[in-house]
C-alpha atoms as a PDB file:
ATOM      1  CA  MET A   1     -15.912  10.979  -1.133  1.00  0.00           C
ATOM      2  CA  ARG A   2     -18.398  13.796  -0.922  1.00  0.00           C
ATOM      3  CA  THR A   3     -20.796  13.582   1.942  1.00  0.00           C
ATOM      4  CA  LEU A   4     -24.307  14.890   2.096  1.00  0.00           C
ATOM      5  CA  PRO A   5     -24.586  18.454   3.341  1.00  0.00           C
ATOM      6  CA  PRO A   6     -25.522  18.838   6.997  1.00  0.00           C
ATOM      7  CA  ALA A   7     -29.101  19.728   7.722  1.00  0.00           C
ATOM      8  CA  ARG A   8     -29.465  23.485   8.127  1.00  0.00           C
ATOM      9  CA  PRO A   9     -32.177  25.400   9.932  1.00  0.00           C
ATOM     10  CA  ALA A  10     -34.429  27.497   7.720  1.00  0.00           C
ATOM     11  CA  SER A  11     -33.398  31.130   7.449  1.00  0.00           C
ATOM     12  CA  LYS A  12     -35.673  34.099   6.817  1.00  0.00           C
ATOM     13  CA  THR A  13     -32.901  36.171   5.272  1.00  0.00           C
ATOM     14  CA  LYS A  14     -32.247  36.008   1.550  1.00  0.00           C
ATOM     15  CA  ARG A  15     -29.208  34.046   0.483  1.00  0.00           C
ATOM     16  CA  PRO A  16     -26.951  35.031  -2.382  1.00  0.00           C
ATOM     17  CA  ARG A  17     -28.078  33.599  -5.746  1.00  0.00           C
ATOM     18  CA  LYS A  18     -25.173  31.132  -5.833  1.00  0.00           C
ATOM     19  CA  GLN A  19     -26.442  29.382  -2.690  1.00  0.00           C
ATOM     20  CA  ALA A  20     -30.078  29.305  -3.777  1.00  0.00           C
ATOM     21  CA  ARG A  21     -29.678  26.032  -5.683  1.00  0.00           C
ATOM     22  CA  ALA A  22     -27.956  24.294  -2.783  1.00  0.00           C
ATOM     23  CA  SER A  23     -30.744  25.360  -0.426  1.00  0.00           C
ATOM     24  CA  ARG A  24     -33.250  23.423  -2.544  1.00  0.00           C
ATOM     25  CA  THR A  25     -31.662  20.143  -1.522  1.00  0.00           C
ATOM     26  CA  LEU A  26     -33.766  18.391   1.086  1.00  0.00           C
ATOM     27  CA  VAL A  27     -31.766  16.238   3.528  1.00  0.00           C
ATOM     28  CA  THR A  28     -33.231  13.663   5.893  1.00  0.00           C
ATOM     29  CA  ARG A  29     -31.253  11.417   8.229  1.00  0.00           C
ATOM     30  CA  PHE A  30     -32.460   8.365  10.110  1.00  0.00           C
ATOM     31  CA  ARG A  31     -31.220   5.106  11.574  1.00  0.00           C
ATOM     32  CA  MET A  32     -32.290   1.602  10.647  1.00  0.00           C
ATOM     33  CA  PRO A  33     -32.062  -1.338  13.052  1.00  0.00           C
ATOM     34  CA  SER A  34     -29.568  -3.967  11.861  1.00  0.00           C
ATOM     35  CA  ARG A  35     -32.253  -6.532  11.108  1.00  0.00           C
ATOM     36  CA  ARG A  36     -33.226  -8.095   7.795  1.00  0.00           C
ATOM     37  CA  ASP A  37     -36.891  -7.317   8.408  1.00  0.00           C
ATOM     38  CA  ALA A  38     -36.101  -3.581   8.702  1.00  0.00           C
ATOM     39  CA  VAL A  39     -34.737  -3.257   5.156  1.00  0.00           C
ATOM     40  CA  ALA A  40     -38.055  -3.147   3.251  1.00  0.00           C
ATOM     41  CA  ARG A  41     -39.489  -0.480   5.554  1.00  0.00           C
ATOM     42  CA  ALA A  42     -36.326   1.627   5.184  1.00  0.00           C
ATOM     43  CA  VAL A  43     -36.428   1.295   1.380  1.00  0.00           C
ATOM     44  CA  ASP A  44     -40.066   2.430   1.369  1.00  0.00           C
ATOM     45  CA  ARG A  45     -39.156   5.457   3.501  1.00  0.00           C
ATOM     46  CA  ILE A  46     -36.230   6.344   1.230  1.00  0.00           C
ATOM     47  CA  LEU A  47     -38.429   6.129  -1.865  1.00  0.00           C
ATOM     48  CA  GLU A  48     -41.022   8.394  -0.232  1.00  0.00           C
ATOM     49  CA  LEU A  49     -38.282  10.903   0.586  1.00  0.00           C
ATOM     50  CA  ALA A  50     -36.946  10.658  -2.987  1.00  0.00           C
ATOM     51  CA  ALA A  51     -40.346  11.425  -4.577  1.00  0.00           C
ATOM     52  CA  PRO A  52     -39.563  15.146  -5.178  1.00  0.00           C
ATOM     53  CA  ALA A  53     -36.692  14.076  -7.482  1.00  0.00           C
ATOM     54  CA  ARG A  54     -39.403  12.936  -9.926  1.00  0.00           C
ATOM     55  CA  LEU A  55     -37.567   9.751 -10.854  1.00  0.00           C
ATOM     56  CA  SER A  56     -39.156   7.637 -13.574  1.00  0.00           C
ATOM     57  CA  ASP A  57     -40.599   4.258 -12.593  1.00  0.00           C
ATOM     58  CA  ASP A  58     -37.459   2.512 -13.887  1.00  0.00           C
ATOM     59  CA  GLU A  59     -35.142   4.934 -12.062  1.00  0.00           C
ATOM     60  CA  ARG A  60     -37.160   4.487  -8.867  1.00  0.00           C
ATOM     61  CA  ASP A  61     -37.109   0.682  -9.164  1.00  0.00           C
ATOM     62  CA  ASN A  62     -33.351   0.657  -9.812  1.00  0.00           C
ATOM     63  CA  LEU A  63     -32.739   2.911  -6.821  1.00  0.00           C
ATOM     64  CA  ALA A  64     -34.921   0.666  -4.641  1.00  0.00           C
ATOM     65  CA  VAL A  65     -32.950  -2.472  -5.534  1.00  0.00           C
ATOM     66  CA  ALA A  66     -29.565  -0.770  -5.090  1.00  0.00           C
ATOM     67  CA  VAL A  67     -30.553   0.782  -1.743  1.00  0.00           C
ATOM     68  CA  ALA A  68     -31.952  -2.540  -0.477  1.00  0.00           C
ATOM     69  CA  GLU A  69     -28.619  -4.170  -1.284  1.00  0.00           C
ATOM     70  CA  ALA A  70     -26.642  -1.403   0.452  1.00  0.00           C
ATOM     71  CA  LEU A  71     -28.847  -1.563   3.571  1.00  0.00           C
ATOM     72  CA  SER A  72     -28.637  -5.350   3.691  1.00  0.00           C
ATOM     73  CA  ASN A  73     -24.853  -5.278   3.299  1.00  0.00           C
ATOM     74  CA  ALA A  74     -24.531  -2.771   6.151  1.00  0.00           C
ATOM     75  CA  ALA A  75     -26.780  -4.762   8.504  1.00  0.00           C
ATOM     76  CA  VAL A  76     -25.445  -8.228   7.638  1.00  0.00           C
ATOM     77  CA  HIS A  77     -21.765  -7.667   6.823  1.00  0.00           C
ATOM     78  CA  GLY A  78     -21.066  -4.411   8.655  1.00  0.00           C
ATOM     79  CA  HIS A  79     -23.008  -5.058  11.854  1.00  0.00           C
ATOM     80  CA  ARG A  80     -23.358  -8.863  11.735  1.00  0.00           C
ATOM     81  CA  LEU A  81     -27.079  -8.345  12.524  1.00  0.00           C
ATOM     82  CA  ARG A  82     -26.252  -7.145  16.051  1.00  0.00           C
ATOM     83  CA  PRO A  83     -29.547  -5.801  17.416  1.00  0.00           C
ATOM     84  CA  GLU A  84     -27.893  -2.896  19.243  1.00  0.00           C
ATOM     85  CA  ALA A  85     -26.183  -1.610  16.065  1.00  0.00           C
ATOM     86  CA  HIS A  86     -27.978   0.815  13.761  1.00  0.00           C
ATOM     87  CA  VAL A  87     -27.303   1.557  10.098  1.00  0.00           C
ATOM     88  CA  ARG A  88     -27.062   5.310   9.466  1.00  0.00           C
ATOM     89  CA  VAL A  89     -28.969   6.599   6.442  1.00  0.00           C
ATOM     90  CA  ALA A  90     -28.961  10.043   4.854  1.00  0.00           C
ATOM     91  CA  VAL A  91     -31.158  10.966   1.904  1.00  0.00           C
ATOM     92  CA  ALA A  92     -30.533  14.165  -0.077  1.00  0.00           C
ATOM     93  CA  VAL A  93     -33.033  15.114  -2.755  1.00  0.00           C
ATOM     94  CA  THR A  94     -32.832  17.960  -5.216  1.00  0.00           C
ATOM     95  CA  PRO A  95     -36.387  18.315  -6.530  1.00  0.00           C
ATOM     96  CA  GLY A  96     -36.720  17.377 -10.187  1.00  0.00           C
ATOM     97  CA  GLU A  97     -33.028  16.498 -10.453  1.00  0.00           C
ATOM     98  CA  CYS A  98     -31.648  13.676  -8.309  1.00  0.00           C
ATOM     99  CA  ALA A  99     -31.720  11.611  -5.157  1.00  0.00           C
ATOM    100  CA  ALA A 100     -28.578  10.649  -3.222  1.00  0.00           C
ATOM    101  CA  VAL A 101     -28.555   8.052  -0.464  1.00  0.00           C
ATOM    102  CA  GLU A 102     -25.707   7.398   1.971  1.00  0.00           C
ATOM    103  CA  VAL A 103     -25.665   4.169   3.945  1.00  0.00           C
ATOM    104  CA  ALA A 104     -23.070   3.796   6.713  1.00  0.00           C
ATOM    105  CA  ASP A 105     -22.269   1.159   9.291  1.00  0.00           C
ATOM    106  CA  SER A 106     -19.720   0.962  12.093  1.00  0.00           C
ATOM    107  CA  GLY A 107     -18.085  -2.223  10.831  1.00  0.00           C
ATOM    108  CA  PRO A 108     -14.506  -2.531   9.603  1.00  0.00           C
ATOM    109  CA  GLY A 109     -15.511  -2.042   5.970  1.00  0.00           C
ATOM    110  CA  PHE A 110     -13.939  -3.664   2.920  1.00  0.00           C
ATOM    111  CA  ASP A 111     -11.889  -2.794  -0.145  1.00  0.00           C
ATOM    112  CA  ALA A 112     -14.523  -2.044  -2.786  1.00  0.00           C
ATOM    113  CA  GLY A 113     -11.813  -1.902  -5.457  1.00  0.00           C
ATOM    114  CA  SER A 114     -10.903  -5.544  -4.869  1.00  0.00           C
ATOM    115  CA  VAL A 115     -14.364  -6.843  -5.707  1.00  0.00           C
ATOM    116  CA  SER A 116     -14.030  -8.787  -8.928  1.00  0.00           C
ATOM    117  CA  ASP A 117     -16.544  -9.020 -11.746  1.00  0.00           C
ATOM    118  CA  PRO A 118     -18.912 -11.854 -10.758  1.00  0.00           C
ATOM    119  CA  THR A 119     -19.814 -12.489 -14.412  1.00  0.00           C
ATOM    120  CA  GLY A 120     -16.343 -13.754 -15.319  1.00  0.00           C
ATOM    121  CA  PRO A 121     -15.975 -17.512 -15.901  1.00  0.00           C
ATOM    122  CA  GLU A 122     -13.812 -17.967 -12.783  1.00  0.00           C
ATOM    123  CA  ALA A 123     -16.406 -16.283 -10.564  1.00  0.00           C
ATOM    124  CA  LEU A 124     -19.698 -17.696 -11.836  1.00  0.00           C
ATOM    125  CA  LEU A 125     -20.087 -20.017  -8.851  1.00  0.00           C
ATOM    126  CA  SER A 126     -18.897 -17.474  -6.290  1.00  0.00           C
ATOM    127  CA  THR A 127     -21.485 -15.887  -4.021  1.00  0.00           C
ATOM    128  CA  ARG A 128     -19.370 -12.789  -3.314  1.00  0.00           C
ATOM    129  CA  GLY A 129     -19.395  -9.464  -5.120  1.00  0.00           C
ATOM    130  CA  ARG A 130     -22.773  -9.754  -6.815  1.00  0.00           C
ATOM    131  CA  GLY A 131     -24.403  -7.007  -4.731  1.00  0.00           C
ATOM    132  CA  VAL A 132     -21.684  -4.440  -5.465  1.00  0.00           C
ATOM    133  CA  PHE A 133     -21.798  -5.400  -9.150  1.00  0.00           C
ATOM    134  CA  LEU A 134     -25.571  -4.971  -9.182  1.00  0.00           C
ATOM    135  CA  MET A 135     -25.483  -1.590  -7.411  1.00  0.00           C
ATOM    136  CA  ARG A 136     -22.885  -0.303  -9.893  1.00  0.00           C
ATOM    137  CA  ARG A 137     -25.170  -1.239 -12.783  1.00  0.00           C
ATOM    138  CA  LEU A 138     -28.335   0.259 -11.299  1.00  0.00           C
ATOM    139  CA  VAL A 139     -27.371   3.765 -10.126  1.00  0.00           C
ATOM    140  CA  ASP A 140     -25.630   6.678 -11.809  1.00  0.00           C
ATOM    141  CA  VAL A 141     -22.987   7.090  -9.099  1.00  0.00           C
ATOM    142  CA  LEU A 142     -21.693   4.558  -6.575  1.00  0.00           C
ATOM    143  CA  GLU A 143     -18.925   5.700  -4.221  1.00  0.00           C
ATOM    144  CA  TYR A 144     -17.400   4.156  -1.116  1.00  0.00           C
ATOM    145  CA  ASN A 145     -15.410   5.940   1.563  1.00  0.00           C
ATOM    146  CA  ALA A 146     -11.786   4.871   2.102  1.00  0.00           C
ATOM    147  CA  ALA A 147     -12.711   2.474   4.916  1.00  0.00           C
ATOM    148  CA  GLY A 148     -15.430   0.821   2.830  1.00  0.00           C
ATOM    149  CA  ASN A 149     -18.113   1.185   5.507  1.00  0.00           C
ATOM    150  CA  LYS A 150     -20.063   4.022   3.863  1.00  0.00           C
ATOM    151  CA  VAL A 151     -21.586   3.942   0.395  1.00  0.00           C
ATOM    152  CA  ARG A 152     -23.164   6.782  -1.556  1.00  0.00           C
ATOM    153  CA  LEU A 153     -25.678   6.006  -4.300  1.00  0.00           C
ATOM    154  CA  VAL A 154     -26.953   8.692  -6.654  1.00  0.00           C
ATOM    155  CA  MET A 155     -29.828   8.412  -9.112  1.00  0.00           C
ATOM    156  CA  GLU A 156     -30.266  11.337 -11.478  1.00  0.00           C
ATOM    157  CA  HIS A 157     -33.625  12.108 -13.052  1.00  0.00           C
ATOM    158  CA  ARG A 158     -33.290  11.925 -16.799  1.00  0.00           C
ATOM    159  CA  PRO A 159     -36.513  12.423 -18.699  1.00  0.00           C
ATOM    160  CA  GLY A 160     -36.958   9.783 -21.373  1.00  0.00           C
ATOM    161  CA  ARG A 161     -34.521   7.327 -19.808  1.00  0.00           C
END
């Protein structure tokens, strides 16, 4: 799983042309308390940070729902709403192109590959797996680390989508 690039201090020297594109990516990291009432505020902050990606209204709404689910999963399932635990968030935005959000918790994780399709007849009454299913449908890229306690969501700006 690729991780977001580390934040780098601004440099006054010119970089080679190949690195110029990478330097346009804006990265912000913050922590969210593991409380349900902290999720909406964190989503609002993420959407503000993602504004330079110029996502359409639909792309922005889809990202908001997927990120809210990821943050909730980390706080509820990863940290069991322990007040001393904080969800780690990193937002990387390439202006006019895309927004990537990483959400990580310190819980044991889960096997994302074992989550079954909740729309199948055998799973219609199950309450598990719907959030992962929803996130997969809403963003362009959804990746988990091997432990299953870090998720990366990417929304690409596509004019006319």
